[in-house]
Structures are given as structure tokens and as C-alpha cells.
Amino acid sequence: MNIKNNKEGFTLVELMIVVAIIGILAAIGIPQYSRYQARARQAEKNIQLANIYTALQSFVGANNTYTSCLNMAGYQPAVGATNKIFYTVGFHAAVAGAAQCGVTGVGQPCTQWNYNTAAIQSCVAGANTSLFLANNRVTAGLALPVDAQVAAIAAPAVTVTSGAFVAGAAGNIFQGGANNYDSWTIDNNKAMIQNLNGI
């Protein structure tokens, strides 16, 4: 009687090679996946800035002036308990209250949204009027982007006047990038420009 002792299985060397291959694939794939996620988060900025542009163009068509009161111009981001907003968008406080708006173009604060001299109405520059704040970030421990990050956008600078505007967006969308915040602007000509690459 011939009994064959058949031992099948993997050797330790074979298992170590498989683990090494998985490690190499993970080292390449995980950072690329993080960048892919960050680029997907940038789509939010496109939507937010395009909506600001549309609201302000509608407002200037009806009032012959721009305003920093984004909420009264018709802009309202979809913010809710389940919505993750990575970008703070709008005009920072120093710009929002500037006296460069109105039909005459000078002397009237941009925080006005009804320029009818019989019934002038204004908003208070800040959160949920001229600036809409992010509620999420990628880098734990990093502050949510606020007024200061929008104010730091240098070229082109965030501004609003009776005949032109540059609105800003700043968000933390990637951990480990060269810059903590990804920042962009859009102007009244619909030119969208990246100020700082946060990926």
C-alpha cells in the first residue's frame, strides 16, 4: 500500500511576499485616494461661488448696485445637521461694511440691501449675512475657516463695490497639503481663481 503524504499550503516566504505587495499597493493607493477625496470636496466651492455670482448678478440687475448682504441678494447655502460644509464663503467683515455701494457708487455702505432713500434697509456684516461659515474640516485640531481666512485671500483681494465684486471661499479639504486652507475667488465677470492650493 502506497500512502502519499500530501502537504499543501503556503510557505512563510510566500506569505511575506504577499504582505509586502499589499503594503506597497496601500502606500501608493491611500494618498491618491485622499487627493481624490479632496478634489471631490473642491466641487462644493464651485457650487457655492457660482450661487453667489448668480445671486449678486440678479441683485445688481434689479438695484443697479452690488451688496455684501448675500442673504438678502438671494444666496443661502444648504446647511443642515447632516450637510458637511468645508468652505467658508462670502465677504469678510472689513470689506462687507465698506462704503462703496449704492446707486451713486460712493458713500453708502455695502451692508445695505434696499437703497430706496425712503426705506433704506441694512444687514449686519458677519455670519449668515455677508459670510457663511464652514461646519467641517479634514485636519483634526485645525480651526474651521472663518472671516480671517477669507480676509487673507490676497490676489485678487476680496472686495465689493457698486459696480464690481470679488467673493472668496476658504476651506480645509486635505490633510498634509502645502497650505492649511484651499482658497478661491469669483468676480463679477465669473472668473474663478485659485489663491492658495490646499491639496
N, C-alpha and C. Protein backbone atom coordinates (compact mmCIF):
# COMPACT_ATOMS: atom_id res chain seq x y z
N MET A 1 0.84 -1.15 0.00
CA MET A 1 0.00 0.00 0.00
C MET A 1 0.89 1.23 0.00
N ASN A 2 0.62 2.12 -0.97
CA ASN A 2 1.42 3.32 -1.13
C ASN A 2 0.60 4.51 -0.66
N ILE A 3 0.98 5.08 0.50
CA ILE A 3 0.27 6.24 1.05
C ILE A 3 1.10 7.48 0.71
N LYS A 4 0.44 8.46 0.05
CA LYS A 4 1.11 9.68 -0.33
C LYS A 4 0.84 10.74 0.74
N ASN A 5 1.87 11.32 1.28
CA ASN A 5 1.73 12.37 2.29
C ASN A 5 1.76 13.71 1.55
N ASN A 6 0.58 14.25 1.30
CA ASN A 6 0.47 15.47 0.50
C ASN A 6 0.24 16.66 1.42
N LYS A 7 1.25 17.48 1.62
CA LYS A 7 1.12 18.68 2.45
C LYS A 7 1.05 19.88 1.52
N GLU A 8 -0.12 20.51 1.51
CA GLU A 8 -0.28 21.68 0.68
C GLU A 8 -0.45 22.90 1.56
N GLY A 9 -0.01 24.06 1.06
CA GLY A 9 -0.11 25.29 1.82
C GLY A 9 0.90 26.30 1.32
N PHE A 10 0.99 27.43 2.05
CA PHE A 10 1.91 28.49 1.67
C PHE A 10 3.09 28.49 2.62
N THR A 11 4.21 28.80 2.07
CA THR A 11 5.39 28.92 2.93
C THR A 11 5.42 30.32 3.53
N LEU A 12 6.22 30.49 4.54
CA LEU A 12 6.35 31.79 5.20
C LEU A 12 6.89 32.85 4.23
N VAL A 13 7.78 32.47 3.37
CA VAL A 13 8.34 33.41 2.39
C VAL A 13 7.25 33.90 1.44
N GLU A 14 6.41 32.99 0.99
CA GLU A 14 5.32 33.38 0.08
C GLU A 14 4.37 34.35 0.77
N LEU A 15 4.03 34.08 2.02
CA LEU A 15 3.15 34.98 2.76
C LEU A 15 3.78 36.35 2.96
N MET A 16 5.09 36.39 3.24
CA MET A 16 5.79 37.66 3.42
C MET A 16 5.79 38.47 2.12
N ILE A 17 5.93 37.80 0.99
CA ILE A 17 5.91 38.49 -0.31
C ILE A 17 4.53 39.10 -0.55
N VAL A 18 3.48 38.37 -0.25
CA VAL A 18 2.11 38.88 -0.42
C VAL A 18 1.88 40.09 0.47
N VAL A 19 2.31 40.03 1.73
CA VAL A 19 2.15 41.16 2.66
C VAL A 19 2.92 42.37 2.14
N ALA A 20 4.11 42.16 1.62
CA ALA A 20 4.91 43.27 1.09
C ALA A 20 4.22 43.91 -0.11
N ILE A 21 3.66 43.10 -0.98
CA ILE A 21 2.95 43.63 -2.15
C ILE A 21 1.74 44.45 -1.71
N ILE A 22 0.98 43.95 -0.75
CA ILE A 22 -0.18 44.69 -0.24
C ILE A 22 0.26 46.02 0.37
N GLY A 23 1.38 45.99 1.11
CA GLY A 23 1.91 47.21 1.71
C GLY A 23 2.29 48.25 0.67
N ILE A 24 2.92 47.82 -0.40
CA ILE A 24 3.31 48.74 -1.48
C ILE A 24 2.09 49.33 -2.15
N LEU A 25 1.10 48.50 -2.45
CA LEU A 25 -0.12 48.99 -3.08
C LEU A 25 -0.84 49.99 -2.17
N ALA A 26 -0.88 49.72 -0.87
CA ALA A 26 -1.52 50.63 0.07
C ALA A 26 -0.77 51.96 0.16
N ALA A 27 0.57 51.89 0.14
CA ALA A 27 1.38 53.12 0.21
C ALA A 27 1.15 54.01 -1.00
N ILE A 28 0.86 53.42 -2.13
CA ILE A 28 0.59 54.20 -3.33
C ILE A 28 -0.89 54.63 -3.38
N GLY A 29 -1.77 53.74 -3.04
CA GLY A 29 -3.21 53.97 -3.21
C GLY A 29 -3.84 54.91 -2.20
N ILE A 30 -3.46 54.82 -0.93
CA ILE A 30 -4.12 55.63 0.10
C ILE A 30 -3.91 57.12 -0.11
N PRO A 31 -2.68 57.61 -0.36
CA PRO A 31 -2.52 59.05 -0.63
C PRO A 31 -3.29 59.51 -1.87
N GLN A 32 -3.30 58.68 -2.90
CA GLN A 32 -4.05 59.05 -4.11
C GLN A 32 -5.54 59.14 -3.82
N TYR A 33 -6.03 58.24 -3.00
CA TYR A 33 -7.45 58.27 -2.62
C TYR A 33 -7.77 59.53 -1.83
N SER A 34 -6.85 59.94 -0.94
CA SER A 34 -7.04 61.17 -0.16
C SER A 34 -7.09 62.38 -1.07
N ARG A 35 -6.23 62.41 -2.08
CA ARG A 35 -6.25 63.53 -3.04
C ARG A 35 -7.54 63.52 -3.86
N TYR A 36 -7.99 62.33 -4.21
CA TYR A 36 -9.25 62.20 -4.95
C TYR A 36 -10.40 62.76 -4.11
N GLN A 37 -10.43 62.43 -2.83
CA GLN A 37 -11.47 62.96 -1.95
C GLN A 37 -11.40 64.48 -1.86
N ALA A 38 -10.20 65.03 -1.75
CA ALA A 38 -10.02 66.48 -1.66
C ALA A 38 -10.53 67.16 -2.93
N ARG A 39 -10.22 66.58 -4.08
CA ARG A 39 -10.71 67.17 -5.33
C ARG A 39 -12.23 67.11 -5.41
N ALA A 40 -12.81 66.06 -4.89
CA ALA A 40 -14.28 65.97 -4.85
C ALA A 40 -14.85 67.05 -3.94
N ARG A 41 -14.16 67.34 -2.83
CA ARG A 41 -14.62 68.39 -1.92
C ARG A 41 -14.53 69.77 -2.57
N GLN A 42 -13.61 69.95 -3.51
CA GLN A 42 -13.50 71.23 -4.21
C GLN A 42 -14.74 71.54 -5.04
N ALA A 43 -15.51 70.53 -5.40
CA ALA A 43 -16.73 70.77 -6.16
C ALA A 43 -17.69 71.65 -5.37
N GLU A 44 -17.65 71.56 -4.05
CA GLU A 44 -18.51 72.40 -3.19
C GLU A 44 -18.24 73.87 -3.44
N LYS A 45 -16.95 74.22 -3.53
CA LYS A 45 -16.57 75.62 -3.76
C LYS A 45 -17.11 76.11 -5.09
N ASN A 46 -17.10 75.28 -6.11
CA ASN A 46 -17.66 75.66 -7.42
C ASN A 46 -19.13 76.02 -7.29
N ILE A 47 -19.85 75.19 -6.58
CA ILE A 47 -21.30 75.42 -6.41
C ILE A 47 -21.55 76.67 -5.59
N GLN A 48 -20.85 76.81 -4.46
CA GLN A 48 -21.08 77.96 -3.57
C GLN A 48 -20.75 79.28 -4.28
N LEU A 49 -19.60 79.37 -4.91
CA LEU A 49 -19.21 80.61 -5.57
C LEU A 49 -20.10 80.91 -6.79
N ALA A 50 -20.48 79.89 -7.53
CA ALA A 50 -21.38 80.11 -8.66
C ALA A 50 -22.74 80.61 -8.19
N ASN A 51 -23.22 80.12 -7.05
CA ASN A 51 -24.50 80.59 -6.50
C ASN A 51 -24.40 82.03 -6.02
N ILE A 52 -23.26 82.40 -5.42
CA ILE A 52 -23.05 83.80 -5.03
C ILE A 52 -23.06 84.69 -6.27
N TYR A 53 -22.36 84.27 -7.31
CA TYR A 53 -22.33 85.04 -8.55
C TYR A 53 -23.75 85.26 -9.09
N THR A 54 -24.53 84.19 -9.17
CA THR A 54 -25.89 84.29 -9.70
C THR A 54 -26.75 85.23 -8.86
N ALA A 55 -26.67 85.10 -7.53
CA ALA A 55 -27.47 85.95 -6.63
C ALA A 55 -27.09 87.42 -6.79
N LEU A 56 -25.80 87.71 -6.84
CA LEU A 56 -25.36 89.10 -6.95
C LEU A 56 -25.65 89.69 -8.34
N GLN A 57 -25.57 88.88 -9.39
CA GLN A 57 -25.91 89.39 -10.72
C GLN A 57 -27.40 89.72 -10.80
N SER A 58 -28.23 88.90 -10.18
CA SER A 58 -29.67 89.19 -10.13
C SER A 58 -29.92 90.46 -9.34
N PHE A 59 -29.20 90.61 -8.23
CA PHE A 59 -29.39 91.79 -7.37
C PHE A 59 -28.98 93.06 -8.11
N VAL A 60 -27.83 93.05 -8.77
CA VAL A 60 -27.37 94.26 -9.46
C VAL A 60 -28.31 94.61 -10.63
N GLY A 61 -28.90 93.60 -11.24
CA GLY A 61 -29.86 93.85 -12.32
C GLY A 61 -31.09 94.59 -11.84
N ALA A 62 -31.51 94.32 -10.61
CA ALA A 62 -32.71 94.96 -10.06
C ALA A 62 -32.41 96.26 -9.34
N ASN A 63 -31.17 96.42 -8.81
CA ASN A 63 -30.87 97.57 -7.94
C ASN A 63 -29.75 98.48 -8.42
N ASN A 64 -29.13 98.16 -9.53
CA ASN A 64 -28.03 98.96 -10.08
C ASN A 64 -26.85 99.10 -9.12
N THR A 65 -26.67 98.17 -8.22
CA THR A 65 -25.53 98.15 -7.31
C THR A 65 -25.39 96.74 -6.74
N TYR A 66 -24.18 96.40 -6.37
CA TYR A 66 -23.97 95.14 -5.65
C TYR A 66 -24.17 95.40 -4.17
N THR A 67 -24.21 94.33 -3.39
CA THR A 67 -24.35 94.41 -1.94
C THR A 67 -23.53 93.30 -1.31
N SER A 68 -23.15 93.49 -0.05
CA SER A 68 -22.48 92.41 0.67
C SER A 68 -23.48 91.57 1.45
N CYS A 69 -24.75 91.95 1.43
CA CYS A 69 -25.80 91.18 2.13
C CYS A 69 -26.21 90.01 1.23
N LEU A 70 -25.42 88.99 1.25
CA LEU A 70 -25.66 87.85 0.36
C LEU A 70 -27.01 87.20 0.63
N ASN A 71 -27.39 87.15 1.92
CA ASN A 71 -28.67 86.51 2.24
C ASN A 71 -29.84 87.27 1.62
N MET A 72 -29.76 88.61 1.58
CA MET A 72 -30.84 89.40 1.01
C MET A 72 -30.76 89.44 -0.52
N ALA A 73 -29.61 89.12 -1.06
CA ALA A 73 -29.47 89.04 -2.52
C ALA A 73 -30.00 87.71 -3.05
N GLY A 74 -30.29 86.78 -2.14
CA GLY A 74 -30.86 85.50 -2.55
C GLY A 74 -29.94 84.31 -2.39
N TYR A 75 -28.78 84.52 -1.80
CA TYR A 75 -27.84 83.41 -1.60
C TYR A 75 -28.06 82.77 -0.23
N GLN A 76 -28.20 81.47 -0.20
CA GLN A 76 -28.34 80.73 1.06
C GLN A 76 -27.83 79.32 0.83
N PRO A 77 -26.66 78.98 1.40
CA PRO A 77 -26.15 77.61 1.21
C PRO A 77 -27.03 76.60 1.95
N ALA A 78 -27.02 75.38 1.47
CA ALA A 78 -27.79 74.31 2.11
C ALA A 78 -27.03 73.81 3.32
N VAL A 79 -27.31 74.40 4.47
CA VAL A 79 -26.64 74.00 5.71
C VAL A 79 -27.64 73.25 6.56
N GLY A 80 -27.25 72.10 7.05
CA GLY A 80 -28.11 71.30 7.91
C GLY A 80 -27.27 70.41 8.80
N ALA A 81 -27.93 69.69 9.66
CA ALA A 81 -27.22 68.83 10.60
C ALA A 81 -26.41 67.76 9.88
N THR A 82 -26.88 67.31 8.73
CA THR A 82 -26.19 66.24 8.02
C THR A 82 -25.32 66.75 6.87
N ASN A 83 -25.41 68.04 6.54
CA ASN A 83 -24.61 68.59 5.45
C ASN A 83 -23.24 69.01 5.94
N LYS A 84 -22.20 68.49 5.31
CA LYS A 84 -20.84 68.87 5.66
C LYS A 84 -20.42 70.00 4.73
N ILE A 85 -20.18 71.18 5.30
CA ILE A 85 -19.76 72.35 4.54
C ILE A 85 -18.29 72.59 4.86
N PHE A 86 -17.42 72.45 3.87
CA PHE A 86 -15.97 72.58 4.08
C PHE A 86 -15.45 73.99 3.80
N TYR A 87 -16.21 74.80 3.06
CA TYR A 87 -15.74 76.13 2.68
C TYR A 87 -16.54 77.22 3.38
N THR A 88 -15.83 78.22 3.91
CA THR A 88 -16.43 79.48 4.35
C THR A 88 -16.42 80.39 3.13
N VAL A 89 -17.58 80.98 2.80
CA VAL A 89 -17.70 81.77 1.57
C VAL A 89 -18.31 83.13 1.83
N GLY A 90 -17.95 84.09 1.00
CA GLY A 90 -18.56 85.41 1.06
C GLY A 90 -17.55 86.53 1.15
N PHE A 91 -17.93 87.58 1.91
CA PHE A 91 -17.11 88.77 2.10
C PHE A 91 -16.73 88.88 3.57
N HIS A 92 -15.46 89.14 3.87
CA HIS A 92 -15.07 89.31 5.27
C HIS A 92 -15.56 90.66 5.78
N ALA A 93 -15.59 90.83 7.10
CA ALA A 93 -16.25 91.96 7.76
C ALA A 93 -15.74 93.32 7.29
N ALA A 94 -14.44 93.48 7.14
CA ALA A 94 -13.89 94.78 6.75
C ALA A 94 -14.37 95.20 5.36
N VAL A 95 -14.52 94.25 4.47
CA VAL A 95 -14.99 94.54 3.11
C VAL A 95 -16.50 94.72 3.10
N ALA A 96 -17.21 93.89 3.84
CA ALA A 96 -18.68 93.90 3.81
C ALA A 96 -19.25 95.25 4.22
N GLY A 97 -18.63 95.92 5.17
CA GLY A 97 -19.16 97.20 5.66
C GLY A 97 -18.60 98.41 4.96
N ALA A 98 -17.82 98.22 3.90
CA ALA A 98 -17.22 99.35 3.20
C ALA A 98 -18.28 100.24 2.57
N ALA A 99 -18.02 101.53 2.54
CA ALA A 99 -18.98 102.50 2.00
C ALA A 99 -18.69 102.77 0.53
N GLN A 100 -18.86 101.76 -0.31
CA GLN A 100 -18.56 101.90 -1.73
C GLN A 100 -19.71 101.43 -2.60
N CYS A 101 -20.87 101.25 -2.03
CA CYS A 101 -22.00 100.72 -2.79
C CYS A 101 -23.07 101.79 -2.95
N GLY A 102 -24.22 101.37 -3.46
CA GLY A 102 -25.31 102.30 -3.71
C GLY A 102 -25.34 102.72 -5.16
N VAL A 103 -26.44 103.33 -5.55
CA VAL A 103 -26.63 103.72 -6.94
C VAL A 103 -25.60 104.76 -7.36
N THR A 104 -25.19 105.63 -6.44
CA THR A 104 -24.18 106.64 -6.77
C THR A 104 -22.78 106.06 -6.77
N GLY A 105 -22.58 104.93 -6.11
CA GLY A 105 -21.29 104.27 -6.11
C GLY A 105 -20.36 104.67 -4.99
N VAL A 106 -20.74 105.69 -4.23
CA VAL A 106 -19.91 106.11 -3.09
C VAL A 106 -20.79 106.50 -1.91
N GLY A 107 -20.21 106.37 -0.72
CA GLY A 107 -20.87 106.89 0.47
C GLY A 107 -21.90 106.01 1.12
N GLN A 108 -22.41 105.00 0.44
CA GLN A 108 -23.41 104.13 1.04
C GLN A 108 -22.77 102.79 1.38
N PRO A 109 -23.01 102.31 2.60
CA PRO A 109 -22.38 101.04 2.98
C PRO A 109 -22.89 99.87 2.14
N CYS A 110 -21.99 98.93 1.89
CA CYS A 110 -22.36 97.74 1.11
C CYS A 110 -23.25 96.80 1.92
N THR A 111 -23.43 97.08 3.21
CA THR A 111 -24.32 96.25 4.02
C THR A 111 -25.78 96.66 3.83
N GLN A 112 -26.05 97.63 2.99
CA GLN A 112 -27.44 97.95 2.66
C GLN A 112 -27.90 97.03 1.55
N TRP A 113 -29.16 96.69 1.59
CA TRP A 113 -29.70 95.88 0.51
C TRP A 113 -30.94 96.51 -0.09
N ASN A 114 -31.50 97.50 0.58
CA ASN A 114 -32.58 98.30 0.00
C ASN A 114 -32.08 99.74 -0.03
N TYR A 115 -31.79 100.25 -1.23
CA TYR A 115 -31.19 101.57 -1.37
C TYR A 115 -32.23 102.66 -1.63
N ASN A 116 -33.50 102.33 -1.51
CA ASN A 116 -34.57 103.31 -1.63
C ASN A 116 -34.44 104.29 -0.46
N THR A 117 -34.20 105.57 -0.75
CA THR A 117 -33.92 106.54 0.32
C THR A 117 -35.06 106.67 1.32
N ALA A 118 -36.26 106.31 0.92
CA ALA A 118 -37.38 106.38 1.86
C ALA A 118 -37.42 105.18 2.79
N ALA A 119 -36.77 104.10 2.41
CA ALA A 119 -36.84 102.88 3.23
C ALA A 119 -35.52 102.11 3.16
N ILE A 120 -34.41 102.77 3.52
CA ILE A 120 -33.10 102.11 3.48
C ILE A 120 -33.08 100.97 4.49
N GLN A 121 -32.64 99.80 4.06
CA GLN A 121 -32.54 98.64 4.95
C GLN A 121 -31.15 98.04 4.82
N SER A 122 -30.62 97.59 5.96
CA SER A 122 -29.26 97.06 6.01
C SER A 122 -29.24 95.70 6.68
N CYS A 123 -28.12 94.99 6.52
CA CYS A 123 -27.86 93.77 7.27
C CYS A 123 -26.61 94.01 8.11
N VAL A 124 -26.42 93.20 9.10
CA VAL A 124 -25.21 93.29 9.91
C VAL A 124 -24.17 92.37 9.28
N ALA A 125 -23.01 92.93 8.93
CA ALA A 125 -21.97 92.12 8.30
C ALA A 125 -21.53 91.01 9.24
N GLY A 126 -21.44 89.82 8.72
CA GLY A 126 -20.98 88.69 9.54
C GLY A 126 -21.64 87.40 9.13
N ALA A 127 -21.65 86.46 10.07
CA ALA A 127 -22.14 85.10 9.79
C ALA A 127 -23.60 85.12 9.35
N ASN A 128 -23.88 84.40 8.30
CA ASN A 128 -25.21 84.18 7.73
C ASN A 128 -25.81 85.42 7.07
N THR A 129 -25.01 86.45 6.84
CA THR A 129 -25.46 87.60 6.05
C THR A 129 -24.47 87.84 4.91
N SER A 130 -23.27 88.27 5.26
CA SER A 130 -22.25 88.52 4.25
C SER A 130 -21.23 87.40 4.17
N LEU A 131 -21.22 86.53 5.15
CA LEU A 131 -20.25 85.43 5.23
C LEU A 131 -20.95 84.18 5.75
N PHE A 132 -20.74 83.07 5.08
CA PHE A 132 -21.36 81.82 5.51
C PHE A 132 -20.24 80.85 5.89
N LEU A 133 -20.31 80.37 7.12
CA LEU A 133 -19.20 79.62 7.72
C LEU A 133 -19.26 78.13 7.44
N ALA A 134 -18.07 77.54 7.31
CA ALA A 134 -17.94 76.08 7.17
C ALA A 134 -18.29 75.42 8.49
N ASN A 135 -18.74 74.18 8.43
CA ASN A 135 -19.01 73.42 9.64
C ASN A 135 -18.18 72.15 9.72
N ASN A 136 -17.21 72.02 8.80
CA ASN A 136 -16.40 70.79 8.79
C ASN A 136 -14.99 71.10 8.26
N ARG A 137 -14.06 70.24 8.62
CA ARG A 137 -12.68 70.34 8.15
C ARG A 137 -12.10 68.93 8.12
N VAL A 138 -10.98 68.76 7.43
CA VAL A 138 -10.34 67.45 7.33
C VAL A 138 -9.28 67.29 8.40
N THR A 139 -8.48 68.34 8.65
CA THR A 139 -7.38 68.26 9.60
C THR A 139 -7.89 68.46 11.02
N ALA A 140 -7.86 67.40 11.82
CA ALA A 140 -8.31 67.50 13.21
C ALA A 140 -7.41 68.48 13.96
N GLY A 141 -8.01 69.32 14.77
CA GLY A 141 -7.25 70.28 15.55
C GLY A 141 -7.05 71.61 14.85
N LEU A 142 -7.27 71.67 13.54
CA LEU A 142 -7.16 72.92 12.80
C LEU A 142 -8.50 73.66 12.92
N ALA A 143 -8.42 74.97 13.11
CA ALA A 143 -9.64 75.76 13.26
C ALA A 143 -10.45 75.73 11.97
N LEU A 144 -11.77 75.78 12.13
CA LEU A 144 -12.63 75.90 10.96
C LEU A 144 -12.31 77.22 10.26
N PRO A 145 -12.38 77.25 8.93
CA PRO A 145 -12.11 78.51 8.24
C PRO A 145 -13.16 79.55 8.60
N VAL A 146 -12.70 80.75 8.97
CA VAL A 146 -13.60 81.83 9.38
C VAL A 146 -13.27 83.09 8.59
N ASP A 147 -13.74 84.22 9.08
CA ASP A 147 -13.52 85.52 8.45
C ASP A 147 -12.05 85.74 8.11
N ALA A 148 -11.15 85.38 9.02
CA ALA A 148 -9.72 85.64 8.83
C ALA A 148 -9.17 84.94 7.60
N GLN A 149 -9.62 83.73 7.31
CA GLN A 149 -9.11 83.01 6.14
C GLN A 149 -9.61 83.65 4.84
N VAL A 150 -10.84 84.14 4.84
CA VAL A 150 -11.35 84.83 3.66
C VAL A 150 -10.64 86.18 3.51
N ALA A 151 -10.38 86.86 4.63
CA ALA A 151 -9.67 88.14 4.60
C ALA A 151 -8.24 87.97 4.11
N ALA A 152 -7.64 86.80 4.31
CA ALA A 152 -6.25 86.55 3.93
C ALA A 152 -6.06 86.31 2.44
N ILE A 153 -7.16 86.15 1.70
CA ILE A 153 -7.05 85.93 0.26
C ILE A 153 -6.48 87.21 -0.37
N ALA A 154 -5.32 87.08 -0.99
CA ALA A 154 -4.57 88.27 -1.40
C ALA A 154 -4.73 88.66 -2.86
N ALA A 155 -4.80 87.72 -3.74
CA ALA A 155 -4.80 88.08 -5.16
C ALA A 155 -5.74 87.18 -5.95
N PRO A 156 -6.84 87.69 -6.44
CA PRO A 156 -7.33 89.05 -6.23
C PRO A 156 -7.97 89.18 -4.85
N ALA A 157 -7.88 90.36 -4.26
CA ALA A 157 -8.42 90.58 -2.92
C ALA A 157 -9.94 90.57 -2.95
N VAL A 158 -10.54 90.03 -1.89
CA VAL A 158 -11.99 90.02 -1.76
C VAL A 158 -12.47 91.46 -1.58
N THR A 159 -13.46 91.85 -2.38
CA THR A 159 -13.96 93.23 -2.33
C THR A 159 -15.38 93.30 -2.86
N VAL A 160 -16.06 94.41 -2.57
CA VAL A 160 -17.38 94.67 -3.16
C VAL A 160 -17.56 96.17 -3.28
N THR A 161 -18.05 96.59 -4.45
CA THR A 161 -18.37 97.99 -4.69
C THR A 161 -19.71 98.02 -5.43
N SER A 162 -20.14 99.21 -5.81
CA SER A 162 -21.41 99.30 -6.54
C SER A 162 -21.35 98.61 -7.89
N GLY A 163 -20.17 98.59 -8.53
CA GLY A 163 -20.08 98.06 -9.88
C GLY A 163 -19.27 96.79 -10.05
N ALA A 164 -18.70 96.27 -8.97
CA ALA A 164 -17.87 95.06 -9.09
C ALA A 164 -17.81 94.33 -7.75
N PHE A 165 -17.46 93.06 -7.81
CA PHE A 165 -17.24 92.30 -6.57
C PHE A 165 -16.23 91.20 -6.81
N VAL A 166 -15.58 90.79 -5.75
CA VAL A 166 -14.75 89.59 -5.72
C VAL A 166 -15.11 88.89 -4.42
N ALA A 167 -15.79 87.76 -4.51
CA ALA A 167 -16.18 86.98 -3.32
C ALA A 167 -15.17 85.86 -3.12
N GLY A 168 -14.96 85.48 -1.86
CA GLY A 168 -13.95 84.47 -1.56
C GLY A 168 -14.51 83.20 -0.93
N ALA A 169 -13.71 82.16 -1.00
CA ALA A 169 -14.04 80.87 -0.37
C ALA A 169 -12.74 80.27 0.17
N ALA A 170 -12.77 79.80 1.41
CA ALA A 170 -11.60 79.16 2.02
C ALA A 170 -12.06 77.93 2.78
N GLY A 171 -11.34 76.80 2.58
CA GLY A 171 -11.73 75.57 3.26
C GLY A 171 -10.56 74.64 3.48
N ASN A 172 -10.65 73.85 4.54
CA ASN A 172 -9.65 72.82 4.84
C ASN A 172 -10.19 71.51 4.28
N ILE A 173 -9.61 71.07 3.13
CA ILE A 173 -10.15 69.90 2.43
C ILE A 173 -9.16 68.75 2.32
N PHE A 174 -7.92 68.95 2.79
CA PHE A 174 -6.89 67.93 2.64
C PHE A 174 -5.92 68.02 3.80
N GLN A 175 -5.56 66.88 4.33
CA GLN A 175 -4.61 66.85 5.45
C GLN A 175 -3.21 66.63 4.91
N GLY A 176 -2.30 67.52 5.27
CA GLY A 176 -0.92 67.36 4.87
C GLY A 176 -0.53 68.12 3.62
N GLY A 177 -1.40 69.01 3.13
CA GLY A 177 -1.05 69.79 1.95
C GLY A 177 -0.08 70.90 2.29
N ALA A 178 0.39 71.59 1.27
CA ALA A 178 1.34 72.69 1.48
C ALA A 178 0.69 73.84 2.23
N ASN A 179 -0.61 74.04 2.04
CA ASN A 179 -1.36 75.09 2.73
C ASN A 179 -2.49 74.46 3.52
N ASN A 180 -2.78 75.03 4.68
CA ASN A 180 -3.88 74.51 5.50
C ASN A 180 -5.23 74.71 4.84
N TYR A 181 -5.37 75.84 4.12
CA TYR A 181 -6.67 76.18 3.55
C TYR A 181 -6.56 76.30 2.03
N ASP A 182 -7.57 75.79 1.36
CA ASP A 182 -7.71 75.91 -0.08
C ASP A 182 -8.57 77.16 -0.31
N SER A 183 -8.06 78.16 -1.03
CA SER A 183 -8.83 79.40 -1.17
C SER A 183 -8.99 79.80 -2.63
N TRP A 184 -10.19 80.33 -2.91
CA TRP A 184 -10.60 80.69 -4.27
C TRP A 184 -11.36 82.01 -4.25
N THR A 185 -11.47 82.64 -5.41
CA THR A 185 -12.32 83.81 -5.56
C THR A 185 -13.14 83.69 -6.84
N ILE A 186 -14.24 84.44 -6.87
CA ILE A 186 -15.02 84.61 -8.10
C ILE A 186 -15.36 86.09 -8.19
N ASP A 187 -15.33 86.63 -9.40
CA ASP A 187 -15.65 88.05 -9.54
C ASP A 187 -16.90 88.25 -10.38
N ASN A 188 -17.25 89.51 -10.61
CA ASN A 188 -18.47 89.83 -11.34
C ASN A 188 -18.39 89.43 -12.81
N ASN A 189 -17.22 89.07 -13.30
CA ASN A 189 -17.06 88.55 -14.67
C ASN A 189 -17.07 87.03 -14.70
N LYS A 190 -17.34 86.41 -13.58
CA LYS A 190 -17.40 84.97 -13.39
C LYS A 190 -16.04 84.30 -13.54
N ALA A 191 -14.97 85.05 -13.31
CA ALA A 191 -13.62 84.47 -13.34
C ALA A 191 -13.34 83.85 -11.97
N MET A 192 -13.11 82.56 -11.96
CA MET A 192 -12.80 81.84 -10.72
C MET A 192 -11.30 81.58 -10.66
N ILE A 193 -10.66 82.06 -9.59
CA ILE A 193 -9.20 81.98 -9.48
C ILE A 193 -8.83 81.33 -8.16
N GLN A 194 -7.87 80.40 -8.22
CA GLN A 194 -7.37 79.78 -7.00
C GLN A 194 -6.25 80.64 -6.43
N ASN A 195 -6.38 81.00 -5.15
CA ASN A 195 -5.40 81.84 -4.47
C ASN A 195 -4.36 80.97 -3.77
N LEU A 196 -4.80 79.97 -3.04
CA LEU A 196 -3.93 79.01 -2.37
C LEU A 196 -4.40 77.60 -2.66
N ASN A 197 -3.47 76.74 -3.04
CA ASN A 197 -3.80 75.34 -3.29
C ASN A 197 -3.71 74.57 -1.99
N GLY A 198 -4.86 74.10 -1.51
CA GLY A 198 -4.91 73.38 -0.25
C GLY A 198 -4.82 71.88 -0.39
N ILE A 199 -4.38 71.39 -1.55
CA ILE A 199 -4.24 69.94 -1.78
C ILE A 199 -2.77 69.62 -1.91
